[in-house]
C-alpha atoms as a PDB file:
ATOM      1  CA  UNK A   1      10.144  -4.765  -1.724  1.00  0.00           C
ATOM      2  CA  UNK A   2       9.240  -6.414  -4.946  1.00  0.00           C
ATOM      3  CA  UNK A   3       7.483  -5.059  -8.054  1.00  0.00           C
ATOM      4  CA  UNK A   4       4.274  -6.417  -7.147  1.00  0.00           C
ATOM      5  CA  UNK A   5       3.983  -4.735  -3.469  1.00  0.00           C
ATOM      6  CA  UNK A   6       4.731  -1.531  -5.335  1.00  0.00           C
ATOM      7  CA  UNK A   7       1.879  -1.760  -7.797  1.00  0.00           C
ATOM      8  CA  UNK A   8      -0.529  -1.620  -5.135  1.00  0.00           C
ATOM      9  CA  UNK A   9       1.220   1.008  -3.058  1.00  0.00           C
ATOM     10  CA  UNK A  10       2.178   3.463  -5.719  1.00  0.00           C
ATOM     11  CA  UNK A  11       0.674   6.285  -7.480  1.00  0.00           C
ATOM     12  CA  UNK A  12       1.073   9.229 -10.035  1.00  0.00           C
ATOM     13  CA  UNK A  13      -0.929  12.731  -9.197  1.00  0.00           C
ATOM     14  CA  UNK A  14      -0.157  15.945 -11.088  1.00  0.00           C
ATOM     15  CA  UNK A  15       2.406  18.111  -9.451  1.00  0.00           C
ATOM     16  CA  UNK A  16       1.408  21.559  -8.009  1.00  0.00           C
ATOM     17  CA  UNK A  17       3.402  24.498  -6.783  1.00  0.00           C
ATOM     18  CA  UNK A  18       2.941  23.006  -3.510  1.00  0.00           C
ATOM     19  CA  UNK A  19       5.368  20.258  -4.226  1.00  0.00           C
ATOM     20  CA  UNK A  20       8.275  22.599  -5.187  1.00  0.00           C
ATOM     21  CA  UNK A  21       9.664  22.170  -1.878  1.00  0.00           C
ATOM     22  CA  UNK A  22       9.790  18.187  -2.224  1.00  0.00           C
ATOM     23  CA  UNK A  23      10.986  18.734  -5.903  1.00  0.00           C
ATOM     24  CA  UNK A  24      13.701  21.078  -4.800  1.00  0.00           C
ATOM     25  CA  UNK A  25      14.792  18.598  -2.118  1.00  0.00           C
ATOM     26  CA  UNK A  26      14.394  15.460  -4.860  1.00  0.00           C
ATOM     27  CA  UNK A  27      16.554  17.499  -7.129  1.00  0.00           C
ATOM     28  CA  UNK A  28      19.306  18.395  -4.317  1.00  0.00           C
ATOM     29  CA  UNK A  29      19.378  14.333  -3.891  1.00  0.00           C
ATOM     30  CA  UNK A  30      20.428  14.179  -7.356  1.00  0.00           C
ATOM     31  CA  UNK A  31      23.243  16.446  -7.487  1.00  0.00           C
ATOM     32  CA  UNK A  32      25.093  15.385  -4.171  1.00  0.00           C
ATOM     33  CA  UNK A  33      27.841  13.257  -4.908  1.00  0.00           C
ATOM     34  CA  UNK A  34      28.480  16.123  -7.897  1.00  0.00           C
ATOM     35  CA  UNK A  35      28.534  18.796  -5.012  1.00  0.00           C
ATOM     36  CA  UNK A  36      30.625  16.454  -2.554  1.00  0.00           C
ATOM     37  CA  UNK A  37      33.458  17.315  -4.824  1.00  0.00           C
ATOM     38  CA  UNK A  38      33.138  20.820  -4.619  1.00  0.00           C
ATOM     39  CA  UNK A  39      34.722  23.279  -1.780  1.00  0.00           C
ATOM     40  CA  UNK A  40      31.239  24.935  -1.765  1.00  0.00           C
ATOM     41  CA  UNK A  41      29.976  25.725   1.832  1.00  0.00           C
ATOM     42  CA  UNK A  42      26.660  24.430   2.760  1.00  0.00           C
ATOM     43  CA  UNK A  43      25.011  27.734   1.944  1.00  0.00           C
ATOM     44  CA  UNK A  44      26.460  27.798  -1.302  1.00  0.00           C
ATOM     45  CA  UNK A  45      25.276  24.315  -2.138  1.00  0.00           C
ATOM     46  CA  UNK A  46      22.040  25.403  -1.002  1.00  0.00           C
ATOM     47  CA  UNK A  47      22.000  28.734  -3.332  1.00  0.00           C
ATOM     48  CA  UNK A  48      23.633  26.532  -5.910  1.00  0.00           C
ATOM     49  CA  UNK A  49      20.652  23.836  -5.742  1.00  0.00           C
ATOM     50  CA  UNK A  50      17.976  26.303  -5.523  1.00  0.00           C
ATOM     51  CA  UNK A  51      19.446  28.292  -8.619  1.00  0.00           C
ATOM     52  CA  UNK A  52      19.507  24.965 -10.777  1.00  0.00           C
ATOM     53  CA  UNK A  53      16.417  23.681  -9.697  1.00  0.00           C
ATOM     54  CA  UNK A  54      14.583  27.189 -10.548  1.00  0.00           C
ATOM     55  CA  UNK A  55      16.209  27.266 -14.014  1.00  0.00           C
ATOM     56  CA  UNK A  56      15.491  23.485 -14.569  1.00  0.00           C
ATOM     57  CA  UNK A  57      11.854  23.266 -13.650  1.00  0.00           C
ATOM     58  CA  UNK A  58      11.443  26.799 -15.828  1.00  0.00           C
ATOM     59  CA  UNK A  59      12.636  25.215 -18.800  1.00  0.00           C
ATOM     60  CA  UNK A  60      10.617  22.000 -18.275  1.00  0.00           C
ATOM     61  CA  UNK A  61       7.325  24.163 -17.692  1.00  0.00           C
ATOM     62  CA  UNK A  62       8.694  26.602 -20.589  1.00  0.00           C
ATOM     63  CA  UNK A  63       9.111  24.090 -23.483  1.00  0.00           C
ATOM     64  CA  UNK A  64       7.032  20.830 -22.726  1.00  0.00           C
ATOM     65  CA  UNK A  65       3.591  20.240 -21.958  1.00  0.00           C
ATOM     66  CA  UNK A  66       3.471  20.077 -18.117  1.00  0.00           C
ATOM     67  CA  UNK A  67      -0.170  18.286 -18.617  1.00  0.00           C
ATOM     68  CA  UNK A  68       1.927  14.977 -17.790  1.00  0.00           C
ATOM     69  CA  UNK A  69       4.247  15.989 -15.151  1.00  0.00           C
ATOM     70  CA  UNK A  70       3.396  13.652 -11.817  1.00  0.00           C
ATOM     71  CA  UNK A  71       4.627  13.275  -8.274  1.00  0.00           C
ATOM     72  CA  UNK A  72       5.206   9.588  -7.819  1.00  0.00           C
ATOM     73  CA  UNK A  73       3.543   8.830  -4.521  1.00  0.00           C
ATOM     74  CA  UNK A  74       4.305   5.788  -2.040  1.00  0.00           C
ATOM     75  CA  UNK A  75       1.163   5.072   0.283  1.00  0.00           C
ATOM     76  CA  UNK A  76       0.443   8.707  -0.160  1.00  0.00           C
ATOM     77  CA  UNK A  77       4.409  10.247   0.509  1.00  0.00           C
ATOM     78  CA  UNK A  78       6.042  11.683  -2.388  1.00  0.00           C
ATOM     79  CA  UNK A  79       9.093   9.569  -3.289  1.00  0.00           C
ATOM     80  CA  UNK A  80       9.622  11.045  -6.809  1.00  0.00           C
ATOM     81  CA  UNK A  81       8.789  12.448  -9.976  1.00  0.00           C
ATOM     82  CA  UNK A  82       7.954  11.514 -13.621  1.00  0.00           C
ATOM     83  CA  UNK A  83       7.507  14.116 -16.103  1.00  0.00           C
ATOM     84  CA  UNK A  84       6.311  12.855 -19.287  1.00  0.00           C
ATOM     85  CA  UNK A  85       5.386  14.947 -22.794  1.00  0.00           C
ATOM     86  CA  UNK A  86       3.396  13.284 -25.516  1.00  0.00           C
ATOM     87  CA  UNK A  87       4.465  14.124 -29.104  1.00  0.00           C
ATOM     88  CA  UNK A  88       3.112  12.764 -32.522  1.00  0.00           C
ATOM     89  CA  UNK A  89       5.469  10.342 -32.978  1.00  0.00           C
ATOM     90  CA  UNK A  90       7.281   9.786 -29.323  1.00  0.00           C
ATOM     91  CA  UNK A  91       6.773   9.787 -25.713  1.00  0.00           C
ATOM     92  CA  UNK A  92       9.588  11.899 -24.089  1.00  0.00           C
ATOM     93  CA  UNK A  93      10.466  11.169 -20.545  1.00  0.00           C
ATOM     94  CA  UNK A  94      11.683  14.841 -19.630  1.00  0.00           C
ATOM     95  CA  UNK A  95      12.700  13.411 -16.045  1.00  0.00           C
ATOM     96  CA  UNK A  96      12.187  10.551 -13.826  1.00  0.00           C
ATOM     97  CA  UNK A  97      13.768  11.194 -10.217  1.00  0.00           C
ATOM     98  CA  UNK A  98      13.441   9.107  -7.031  1.00  0.00           C
ATOM     99  CA  UNK A  99      14.408  10.052  -3.662  1.00  0.00           C
ATOM    100  CA  UNK A 100      17.611   7.723  -2.343  1.00  0.00           C
ATOM    101  CA  UNK A 101      15.194   5.458  -0.203  1.00  0.00           C
ATOM    102  CA  UNK A 102      13.372   4.598  -2.999  1.00  0.00           C
ATOM    103  CA  UNK A 103      16.124   3.971  -5.939  1.00  0.00           C
ATOM    104  CA  UNK A 104      16.913   0.416  -7.158  1.00  0.00           C
ATOM    105  CA  UNK A 105      13.880  -0.918  -5.935  1.00  0.00           C
ATOM    106  CA  UNK A 106      12.216  -1.462  -9.506  1.00  0.00           C
ATOM    107  CA  UNK A 107       9.769   1.519  -9.069  1.00  0.00           C
ATOM    108  CA  UNK A 108      11.436   3.145 -12.264  1.00  0.00           C
ATOM    109  CA  UNK A 109      11.358  -0.190 -14.055  1.00  0.00           C
ATOM    110  CA  UNK A 110       7.384  -0.589 -13.190  1.00  0.00           C
ATOM    111  CA  UNK A 111       6.776   3.138 -14.728  1.00  0.00           C
ATOM    112  CA  UNK A 112       8.850   2.658 -17.891  1.00  0.00           C
ATOM    113  CA  UNK A 113       7.102  -0.637 -18.660  1.00  0.00           C
ATOM    114  CA  UNK A 114       3.575   1.472 -18.088  1.00  0.00           C
ATOM    115  CA  UNK A 115       4.864   3.834 -20.790  1.00  0.00           C
ATOM    116  CA  UNK A 116       6.099   1.452 -23.326  1.00  0.00           C
ATOM    117  CA  UNK A 117       2.637  -0.198 -23.302  1.00  0.00           C
ATOM    118  CA  UNK A 118       1.485   3.193 -24.138  1.00  0.00           C
ATOM    119  CA  UNK A 119       3.967   3.432 -26.666  1.00  0.00           C
ATOM    120  CA  UNK A 120       2.859  -0.137 -28.268  1.00  0.00           C
ATOM    121  CA  UNK A 121      -0.911   0.911 -28.179  1.00  0.00           C
ATOM    122  CA  UNK A 122       0.003   4.346 -30.035  1.00  0.00           C
ATOM    123  CA  UNK A 123       2.755   3.004 -32.283  1.00  0.00           C
ATOM    124  CA  UNK A 124       5.509   5.746 -31.003  1.00  0.00           C
ATOM    125  CA  UNK A 125       8.706   5.687 -29.463  1.00  0.00           C
ATOM    126  CA  UNK A 126       9.770   6.364 -25.894  1.00  0.00           C
ATOM    127  CA  UNK A 127      12.656   8.538 -25.667  1.00  0.00           C
ATOM    128  CA  UNK A 128      14.794  10.094 -22.769  1.00  0.00           C
ATOM    129  CA  UNK A 129      17.829  12.288 -22.568  1.00  0.00           C
ATOM    130  CA  UNK A 130      20.817  11.137 -20.077  1.00  0.00           C
ATOM    131  CA  UNK A 131      24.231  12.480 -19.142  1.00  0.00           C
ATOM    132  CA  UNK A 132      27.103  10.259 -20.280  1.00  0.00           C
ATOM    133  CA  UNK A 133      28.167   9.259 -16.741  1.00  0.00           C
ATOM    134  CA  UNK A 134      24.639   9.068 -15.467  1.00  0.00           C
ATOM    135  CA  UNK A 135      24.221   5.504 -13.598  1.00  0.00           C
ATOM    136  CA  UNK A 136      20.691   5.507 -14.860  1.00  0.00           C
ATOM    137  CA  UNK A 137      21.921   5.066 -18.482  1.00  0.00           C
ATOM    138  CA  UNK A 138      22.796   1.200 -17.332  1.00  0.00           C
ATOM    139  CA  UNK A 139      19.159   1.084 -16.376  1.00  0.00           C
ATOM    140  CA  UNK A 140      17.668   2.461 -19.554  1.00  0.00           C
ATOM    141  CA  UNK A 141      20.229   0.003 -21.608  1.00  0.00           C
ATOM    142  CA  UNK A 142      18.608  -2.897 -19.708  1.00  0.00           C
ATOM    143  CA  UNK A 143      15.360  -1.835 -20.516  1.00  0.00           C
ATOM    144  CA  UNK A 144      16.275  -1.853 -24.182  1.00  0.00           C
ATOM    145  CA  UNK A 145      16.798   1.974 -24.900  1.00  0.00           C
ATOM    146  CA  UNK A 146      19.450   2.344 -27.402  1.00  0.00           C
ATOM    147  CA  UNK A 147      21.521   5.758 -28.338  1.00  0.00           C
ATOM    148  CA  UNK A 148      19.522   7.566 -30.914  1.00  0.00           C
ATOM    149  CA  UNK A 149      22.183  10.605 -30.950  1.00  0.00           C
ATOM    150  CA  UNK A 150      24.288  12.552 -28.910  1.00  0.00           C
ATOM    151  CA  UNK A 151      22.914  15.762 -28.284  1.00  0.00           C
ATOM    152  CA  UNK A 152      26.182  17.747 -27.142  1.00  0.00           C
ATOM    153  CA  UNK A 153      29.204  16.933 -24.995  1.00  0.00           C
ATOM    154  CA  UNK A 154      27.076  16.105 -22.019  1.00  0.00           C
ATOM    155  CA  UNK A 155      23.508  14.283 -23.114  1.00  0.00           C
ATOM    156  CA  UNK A 156      22.969  11.515 -24.795  1.00  0.00           C
ATOM    157  CA  UNK A 157      19.443  10.937 -26.533  1.00  0.00           C
ATOM    158  CA  UNK A 158      18.139   7.384 -25.977  1.00  0.00           C
ATOM    159  CA  UNK A 159      15.273   5.728 -27.544  1.00  0.00           C
ATOM    160  CA  UNK A 160      13.051   2.600 -27.190  1.00  0.00           C
ATOM    161  CA  UNK A 161      11.108   1.184 -29.831  1.00  0.00           C
ATOM    162  CA  UNK A 162       8.325  -1.405 -29.951  1.00  0.00           C
END
């Protein structure tokens, strides 16, 4: 599938509490490889995912403006999320994640391109936090993000400038 096909079949809609089961499943998909290295039982993994997802969503909704928290849909099916917060001098990508079958199809690049255009028009930067070992870091670098600062031992803050 090419990016041209995506633009005709993909859309964003504001997330609601009805999306929580999907978002929990999406979150779980991003932690699969990490949890595969543990000795957790299936039930322990489920409890861990639920606790971590709830903490993350609580943090996001408490510390960021959720007016631009979206579910990414492909032909009406939920396939990801894009949470963005707009600040005076920057557009902060709070979170972007796609279900496994929809990764590496340029869908994330498409939405970053849209954000870059918004940033150009409003004279802002685009920023995103990423873990040191997250494979998405390579995508962000290819898109032109540069290291802005290391926020702690786990996360980097990356920035794209128009």
